[in-house]
Amino acid sequence: HTRFCQVTGVQTCALPIFDDYRVRRFTDTYYSDPAGVIDSQNSVLRLRDEGERVTATVKKPYVHSGLGLSRREFQSELVKSDEGFNPLAMAAALARQYLDGVGPDLCPKVVDEVVRCECRIRSEVRRYKFCLDRFSYHDPVSGEVGPVNYEIEIESIDQPIKDDQAMVRLIAVLEDRYLCEAQKVSKYARGKEWLESIGV
């Protein structure tokens, strides 16, 4: 994933060919464990609630490719109509499968309310997912809500974006013309920084 935090308002710029535009709304809850094993492995455990469907994701560090943040991701999914629907148990099982030493107990660390506008874009090399997120962090204990943030993500699968010169040029336009700033820190890490800033 290559992530960009928008400093000014988002404006239209020339993109590669794009299609499959849609808007999604979801709630991401990031979990930690009492022993701090997940954080100690620089990993992320997230439950994404999109209404009828909940997805658990484990993200582990992968390769720093020079552009953005690279992660290996592992997922499980439940539909709310499924018998025995228990997303927290699904998340715990996924964490134990892919993260060494994680116990059965999990606690919500930070919540992220997201509205995402996304589309598929493609260059001559490969396809990507282009996302514009509007989001705010929530403290799951006090209920305090942070300021609204905007972020652009350009997601590629298995191949680093730096190998595609068309995307390198697009990123340069976003940085130079629209004052975006490349981030190599996950939403979860920035959410923890926000919690610290409010004294949690």
Protein backbone atom coordinates (compact mmCIF):
# COMPACT_ATOMS: atom_id res chain seq x y z
CA HIS A 1 0.00 0.00 0.00
CA THR A 2 1.21 3.49 -0.76
CA ARG A 3 -0.47 5.99 1.52
CA PHE A 4 -0.74 9.77 1.21
CA CYS A 5 -2.16 12.18 3.77
CA GLN A 6 -3.86 15.09 2.07
CA VAL A 7 -2.85 18.50 3.42
CA THR A 8 -5.17 20.63 1.29
CA GLY A 9 -8.49 19.92 -0.45
CA VAL A 10 -8.46 17.10 -2.96
CA GLN A 11 -8.62 18.28 -6.55
CA THR A 12 -9.03 16.43 -9.81
CA CYS A 13 -5.84 15.39 -11.57
CA ALA A 14 -5.12 13.29 -14.62
CA LEU A 15 -5.14 9.59 -13.78
CA PRO A 16 -4.52 6.42 -15.74
CA ILE A 17 -7.63 4.68 -17.05
CA PHE A 18 -10.06 4.01 -14.20
CA ASP A 19 -13.29 2.11 -13.64
CA ASP A 20 -15.41 0.35 -10.97
CA TYR A 21 -16.02 3.50 -8.94
CA ARG A 22 -17.88 3.07 -5.64
CA VAL A 23 -18.30 4.49 -2.14
CA ARG A 24 -17.96 2.30 0.94
CA ARG A 25 -18.59 3.01 4.61
CA PHE A 26 -17.09 0.85 7.32
CA THR A 27 -15.81 0.76 10.89
CA ASP A 28 -12.33 -0.56 11.58
CA THR A 29 -11.51 -1.72 15.11
CA TYR A 30 -7.86 -2.40 15.86
CA TYR A 31 -7.04 -4.84 18.66
CA SER A 32 -4.14 -5.36 20.99
CA ASP A 33 -3.46 -8.14 23.48
CA PRO A 34 -2.61 -7.85 27.20
CA ALA A 35 0.97 -9.07 26.67
CA GLY A 36 1.60 -6.62 23.83
CA VAL A 37 2.64 -9.41 21.46
CA ILE A 38 0.88 -7.95 18.40
CA ASP A 39 2.54 -4.56 18.78
CA SER A 40 5.93 -6.11 19.58
CA GLN A 41 5.85 -7.86 16.19
CA ASN A 42 5.00 -4.56 14.41
CA SER A 43 1.80 -6.24 13.27
CA VAL A 44 -1.84 -5.20 13.06
CA LEU A 45 -5.05 -7.06 13.93
CA ARG A 46 -8.18 -5.40 12.54
CA LEU A 47 -11.89 -6.14 12.37
CA ARG A 48 -13.69 -4.32 9.54
CA ASP A 49 -17.48 -4.06 9.91
CA GLU A 50 -19.26 -3.18 6.65
CA GLY A 51 -22.77 -3.89 7.84
CA GLU A 52 -23.67 -7.39 6.66
CA ARG A 53 -20.07 -8.56 6.48
CA VAL A 54 -17.17 -8.48 8.94
CA THR A 55 -13.57 -9.14 7.88
CA ALA A 56 -10.66 -9.95 10.19
CA THR A 57 -7.22 -9.02 8.91
CA VAL A 58 -3.72 -9.67 10.20
CA LYS A 59 -1.06 -7.42 8.68
CA LYS A 60 2.61 -8.29 9.08
CA PRO A 61 5.69 -6.32 7.99
CA TYR A 62 6.99 -7.27 4.57
CA VAL A 63 9.33 -5.30 2.32
CA HIS A 64 10.14 -1.59 2.33
CA SER A 65 10.08 -0.91 -1.38
CA GLY A 66 10.94 2.77 -1.25
CA LEU A 67 7.33 3.88 -1.82
CA GLY A 68 4.74 3.60 0.89
CA LEU A 69 4.12 0.77 3.32
CA SER A 70 4.41 -2.88 2.36
CA ARG A 71 2.52 -5.54 4.32
CA ARG A 72 1.60 -9.19 4.08
CA GLU A 73 -2.10 -9.63 4.78
CA PHE A 74 -4.13 -12.63 5.95
CA GLN A 75 -7.93 -12.50 6.12
CA SER A 76 -11.04 -14.32 7.29
CA GLU A 77 -14.61 -13.22 6.67
CA LEU A 78 -18.01 -13.73 8.30
CA VAL A 79 -21.50 -12.77 7.19
CA LYS A 80 -23.82 -11.65 9.99
CA SER A 81 -26.42 -14.21 8.94
CA ASP A 82 -23.88 -17.03 9.51
CA GLU A 83 -24.74 -19.41 12.32
CA GLY A 84 -22.62 -18.82 15.40
CA PHE A 85 -21.55 -15.35 14.19
CA ASN A 86 -18.62 -14.33 16.43
CA PRO A 87 -16.18 -11.92 14.74
CA LEU A 88 -13.98 -11.47 17.81
CA ALA A 89 -13.39 -15.23 18.01
CA MET A 90 -12.57 -15.22 14.29
CA ALA A 91 -10.04 -12.40 14.82
CA ALA A 92 -8.44 -14.20 17.78
CA ALA A 93 -8.11 -17.43 15.78
CA LEU A 94 -6.54 -15.58 12.86
CA ALA A 95 -4.08 -13.85 15.18
CA ARG A 96 -3.04 -17.13 16.79
CA GLN A 97 -2.56 -18.67 13.34
CA TYR A 98 -0.23 -16.00 11.98
CA LEU A 99 1.28 -14.26 15.02
CA ASP A 100 3.44 -16.20 17.46
CA GLY A 101 2.50 -16.01 21.12
CA VAL A 102 -0.87 -14.26 20.91
CA GLY A 103 -3.28 -15.45 23.59
CA PRO A 104 -7.08 -15.73 23.43
CA ASP A 105 -7.78 -12.35 25.04
CA LEU A 106 -8.03 -9.26 22.85
CA CYS A 107 -8.95 -5.68 23.68
CA PRO A 108 -10.01 -2.89 21.32
CA LYS A 109 -7.25 -0.30 21.04
CA VAL A 110 -8.57 2.27 18.58
CA VAL A 111 -11.61 2.58 16.30
CA ASP A 112 -11.56 4.16 12.86
CA GLU A 113 -14.77 5.35 11.13
CA VAL A 114 -14.12 5.47 7.37
CA VAL A 115 -15.91 6.70 4.26
CA ARG A 116 -13.97 5.46 1.24
CA CYS A 117 -14.30 6.51 -2.41
CA GLU A 118 -12.47 3.98 -4.53
CA CYS A 119 -11.92 2.95 -8.11
CA ARG A 120 -9.66 0.68 -10.11
CA ILE A 121 -6.93 2.33 -12.13
CA ARG A 122 -4.51 0.76 -14.56
CA SER A 123 -1.32 1.67 -16.29
CA GLU A 124 0.41 -0.25 -19.04
CA VAL A 125 2.03 -2.41 -16.35
CA ARG A 126 -0.74 -3.48 -13.93
CA ARG A 127 -3.95 -2.59 -12.13
CA TYR A 128 -4.30 -0.80 -8.80
CA LYS A 129 -6.96 0.23 -6.34
CA PHE A 130 -7.12 4.01 -5.83
CA CYS A 131 -8.82 5.05 -2.58
CA LEU A 132 -9.69 8.38 -1.01
CA ASP A 133 -10.53 7.95 2.67
CA ARG A 134 -12.28 10.35 5.01
CA PHE A 135 -11.80 9.03 8.53
CA SER A 136 -11.65 9.87 12.21
CA TYR A 137 -10.25 7.98 15.18
CA HIS A 138 -12.37 7.03 18.20
CA ASP A 139 -11.23 6.01 21.67
CA PRO A 140 -13.22 2.79 22.37
CA VAL A 141 -13.06 3.43 26.13
CA SER A 142 -14.02 7.09 26.52
CA GLY A 143 -15.83 7.51 23.21
CA GLU A 144 -13.78 10.61 22.37
CA VAL A 145 -13.61 11.35 18.64
CA GLY A 146 -10.59 12.84 16.89
CA PRO A 147 -10.45 15.31 14.00
CA VAL A 148 -11.38 14.34 10.45
CA ASN A 149 -8.46 13.16 8.29
CA TYR A 150 -8.14 12.58 4.55
CA GLU A 151 -5.85 10.04 2.96
CA ILE A 152 -5.15 8.69 -0.50
CA GLU A 153 -4.11 5.05 -0.83
CA ILE A 154 -2.84 3.41 -3.98
CA GLU A 155 -2.88 -0.34 -3.46
CA SER A 156 -1.03 -2.92 -5.51
CA ILE A 157 -0.84 -6.67 -4.98
CA ASP A 158 2.51 -8.50 -4.84
CA GLN A 159 4.40 -5.99 -7.00
CA PRO A 160 6.03 -2.76 -5.74
CA ILE A 161 4.67 0.45 -7.20
CA LYS A 162 8.19 1.79 -7.68
CA ASP A 163 8.59 -0.63 -10.63
CA ASP A 164 5.84 1.18 -12.58
CA GLN A 165 7.06 4.50 -13.96
CA ALA A 166 3.52 5.73 -14.74
CA MET A 167 2.58 5.36 -11.08
CA VAL A 168 5.83 6.96 -9.95
CA ARG A 169 4.92 9.99 -12.08
CA LEU A 170 1.37 10.05 -10.65
CA ILE A 171 2.73 9.98 -7.11
CA ALA A 172 5.12 12.82 -7.97
CA VAL A 173 2.14 14.90 -9.20
CA LEU A 174 0.22 14.20 -5.98
CA GLU A 175 3.21 15.24 -3.90
CA ASP A 176 4.36 18.26 -5.91
CA ARG A 177 1.10 19.77 -7.16
CA TYR A 178 -1.42 18.74 -4.52
CA LEU A 179 0.79 18.86 -1.41
CA CYS A 180 0.30 15.22 -0.48
CA GLU A 181 2.91 13.69 1.76
CA ALA A 182 3.96 10.05 1.51
CA GLN A 183 3.43 8.08 4.73
CA LYS A 184 5.12 4.85 5.77
CA VAL A 185 3.16 4.58 9.00
CA SER A 186 -0.05 2.58 9.25
CA LYS A 187 -3.45 3.97 10.24
CA TYR A 188 -3.18 1.89 13.41
CA ALA A 189 0.17 3.41 14.39
CA ARG A 190 -1.17 6.90 13.76
CA GLY A 191 -4.28 6.03 15.76
CA LYS A 192 -2.10 5.04 18.72
CA GLU A 193 -0.26 8.36 18.40
CA TRP A 194 -3.60 10.15 18.54
CA LEU A 195 -4.56 8.23 21.70
CA GLU A 196 -1.27 9.27 23.31
CA SER A 197 -1.93 12.91 22.32
CA ILE A 198 -5.21 12.89 24.31
CA GLY A 199 -3.56 11.25 27.30
CA VAL A 200 -4.75 7.67 26.86
